[in-house]
Amino acid sequence: MESDTTIRRIKLFGSQNINIQDQRGNNSCGNVKKKPELRLFLISEGVVFVLLVVFISALWALVHLSTQQLLVGKSTGEFNAVRARKHLEHITGVGPRAVGSVENEVLTVKFLLEQVEQIRSESGAGPHAVTLDLQRPSGCFSINSITSCYDRVTNIAVKLEPKDGAQHFMLANCHFDSVANSPGASDDAVSCAVMLEVLRSLASLSSPLTHGVIFLFNGAEENYFQASHGFITQHPWAKQVKAFVNLEAAGVGGKEVVFQTGPENPWLVQAYVHAAVHPFASVVGQEVFQSGIIPSDTDFRIYRDFGNIPGIDLAFIEDGFIYHTRYDTADRILTDSIQRAGDNILALLKHLAMSEILADSSEYRHGNMVFFDVLGVMVAYPAQVGTIINCMAVMVTFLYLAKKNHGKCGRYLRALALAVCVALLSWAATLLSVLIVSLVVTLAGCSMFWYTHFSAAVALYGSAAAAIILLVHTLAKNLNYGGVRRVELAELFFDVSLLLWCCVLIFLTLWGLCSAYVPMLMVAFPLVTKLLLTRHRGASVPYAVLYLLGLTLPYVHLMFLIWVVFEIFCPILGQSCTEFPPDVVLSFLISLAAISLSSYFMHLIYLARSSKRVLTILGSIFVVMIILVSSGLFFPYSSDPHKPRPKRVIIQHTTRTFLTLNGSVEHVDSGLWIESLDYTDIRYIAPHVPEIYNIIHTQHHDQLLFGGFYRKGWYLPAPVVSPKSPLEFRLVSKQMTEWGTVKMSFEAKGPSHMSVYLHPHIGTSLSRWSFGDGTPQSSFIIYSHGLDSPAWHFWLEIQPPSDAPAEKDFISIAVSCHYLEEDHWTLQLNALLGRFPAWTSPSSSVSTYHMFRY
């Protein structure tokens, strides 16, 4: 093997002495004039390693600083965050606010009404009129293969308009209900607190708005967006709404990000870019969210699908680990977060309420916008312009590559094709190797070690990914490119990275995705940088520094997107990934990040004299980390009050009753149902509840009873529950219709949260029902109601087999009742909760399940 300082001539694949670069003055395909050897020295391996580490660290520090800098520039002073915080503390102070609870339907509603009345009184002498309406809608609709029914849920609608009236309105939406067992500070009390102060600020303006604004404080979002559906489909004000702004949360505090807009109506994005004081938005987030990869939804969908109006969806995304847990408290939301959200919403609503476009937006309806944020600076342009820019980047790239191939009779293209294969091989080897590592970690019982220690996952999977990429290129350099000069190899692999990013750009552009701007940045800036550095021949430290400086903008944005991906997906993997190993997903994401970041770094790697030391360092990091992880050093969960990472668990004290066709009881059992919401099951909980080792596996009628929703669970025997308002369920009538179906009418009365699972027997089908548009959309119906609601009535039409006897049962109906308030909790449930470790966040309730046959 040659020494580090050996200067080599260009030998193409070990046979012909041919320069990969353009032979100037030679356009023939015959004898190639050899270039005189240049004394070009390679860069020290240590220098390259230090430059890359400093570059990545500096950019990551910039990204971190940008995400933590909540206020960009001075606040306008029109929004009072201190007063909004007081609203937040008062709302969360009543405790969890589940639909139908006194906390949600009485205490929170009373507070909001008092605040609105106070604002109306204070602004009475101003140019605006404030109208308050308390709505209690009832209805039914289908969404996500679930039928959602509601009765007398709560909406507080406030209309702000000039005193001489308005014809067109903006809608601002928040929800004040929360999931059970969570104070719901970020989801979504803080948004309601912000909206109260925005309402106060707009009502206090000295000059009237051109259009009106409707502030909707809805009280039933967590139960599949029932209150927003009730408003947009039933409230008389809804017909005047031209666009909406929805305030949501997928995390606790930080910056609120615009993560979806539209559909179409690019003028809304333009309004946000123009008006927002502290803008923060990403079209990548919009396209990822709307693809369905993220298992979540918001009221945005209701207004879009049932109201046919465009809007903007904003949400807090940081620290999703405590989203929907008991840790979602008001003290975790910084006042600066409230200030920036208030400044942005106030400025946006004021801008839209004064806009001429709102009155007739049909002229501006079509088209989409490319929008993204670079260190707090918003960039936005029409998607058509983006397509033109993308095409220009592709054309320049191919012209650049074609020029390099000029006069070489395809030799350069062959070399480029082989180098592309090497790059793709390194990617495939990386993904496969890291996948194997993640499976080993999972089989060793160390899954989710990264949940509290994310840096450990980066060290383990990141070092493995970087080492495999570097190893494949090192082997290719020594075995396949033994006679090729390193400088020329560096040029070649820069072209490979450029070509591959260009292919991604073409693919995303052809698919019509606005996210194509990302590969466009990764093509345009490196190409411009390389063209500007054409006079800097050879390998030198100044050249490497200038090269990295040229990559700064696309790489800092790429690292920001990587931060967003992990900020969103890491918490999701800890609350919904129960069947599939989450380490496989996380290791895949880290590998993709490593592949993306390393693409243009390979140019410098080939300019380094060697890669042995770097490989040794990466290998050592991997070996140390795999030993530490396997030893169980990294416990997945944490109850640290400053940075909690709780394990999510569902605990229900439930009684299950199975009845025969004639109504007699066939089977009854009762117990404490424990369900883990992540992949570790009860591995870490079992030592605290040792009797769980003597578990009873529920098998009797389970698939029917739980509707397939409980795949993993543990059932500890316990006494029968006796709720204060037990289920009253009866068959009101059963008759044969003239078209051959059996129509059955039912009456149900129970707690505020019930669900029904329908299971037609073999040969029987559901033909019609009373829900929604009358056409059965699913077999699972959820039902919730506010206070003082009447009994729930519904009917089903069954198409029985033609030869079915009259006494045969056609359908099984499982009705579940959920008692969420703490005053329903049993002694056994409270005792079990007291034994759960502090690093858990149980969602607890008392429930009953009845299975009827008809």
Foldseek 3Di string as FASTA:
>chain_A
DDALQDFFAADAQPDRRDFLFDQPPFQAQPDGDGDPTDNFHFDAPVLLVVVVVVLVVVLVVLLVVLQQPLADDDFPPLFDLVQLLVQLQQLLVLPAFAFFDCSQFPVNVVVLVVLLVVLQVVLVVAQKHKDKDKDQFWAWDDDPQAIETEGGFIKIKIKIFGPVAAQAEEEEEAESHAAFAASCSVFPSSSVSLVSRLSSSQSNDRDGFRHMYMYMHGHDWVRPHVRLLRCCQPPPCNVRYAEYEYEGALAAATAKEFQAWDVFLAVLVVLLLVFQSQHAYALVSNVVVVVCPFPDDGCQCSCCPVVVHIYIYIYHQFHSLCPRFHLNGSVRYDSSRSSSVSSSVSRSNRSLSRDPCSVPVVVRRHFHKGWHAFSRRIDIDTLVVVLVLLVVLLVVLVVVQVVRCRSNVCPSVVVLVVLLVLLVVLLVVLLVVLLVVLVVLVVLLLFLLCQQPVVLLCLALVLSLLLSSLVSVQCCCVPRRVNRGLLSVLVSLLSSLLVVLSVVLVVCVVVSRSVSVLSSLVNPQLVVLCVVCVVVDHHDPVNVVSSSVSCSRSVSVLVSVLVSVCSRVSSVQQFAAAPDRVSSVVSNSSSVSSSVVCRNSVSSVSSHSDCVVVSVVSVVSNVVSSVCSSVVVRDNFDLPSVRGNFWEKAKAFEKEWEADQVGHTDDIFTFIKIAGRHHSTCVVVCVLVVCQVVFDDDDPCVCQQVVVPGPDITTGGDDHADFPWDKDKDWPDWDADPVGKIKIKMWIDGRQKKKKFKDFDPQKDWQFKDHDPTGDSHRMHIYGYYPPGDIDMMMTIMRHHPPDDPSDWGMKMKMKDWASDPVRDDPVQVVVVVSGDSRHRYRYTYMYIYIHTD
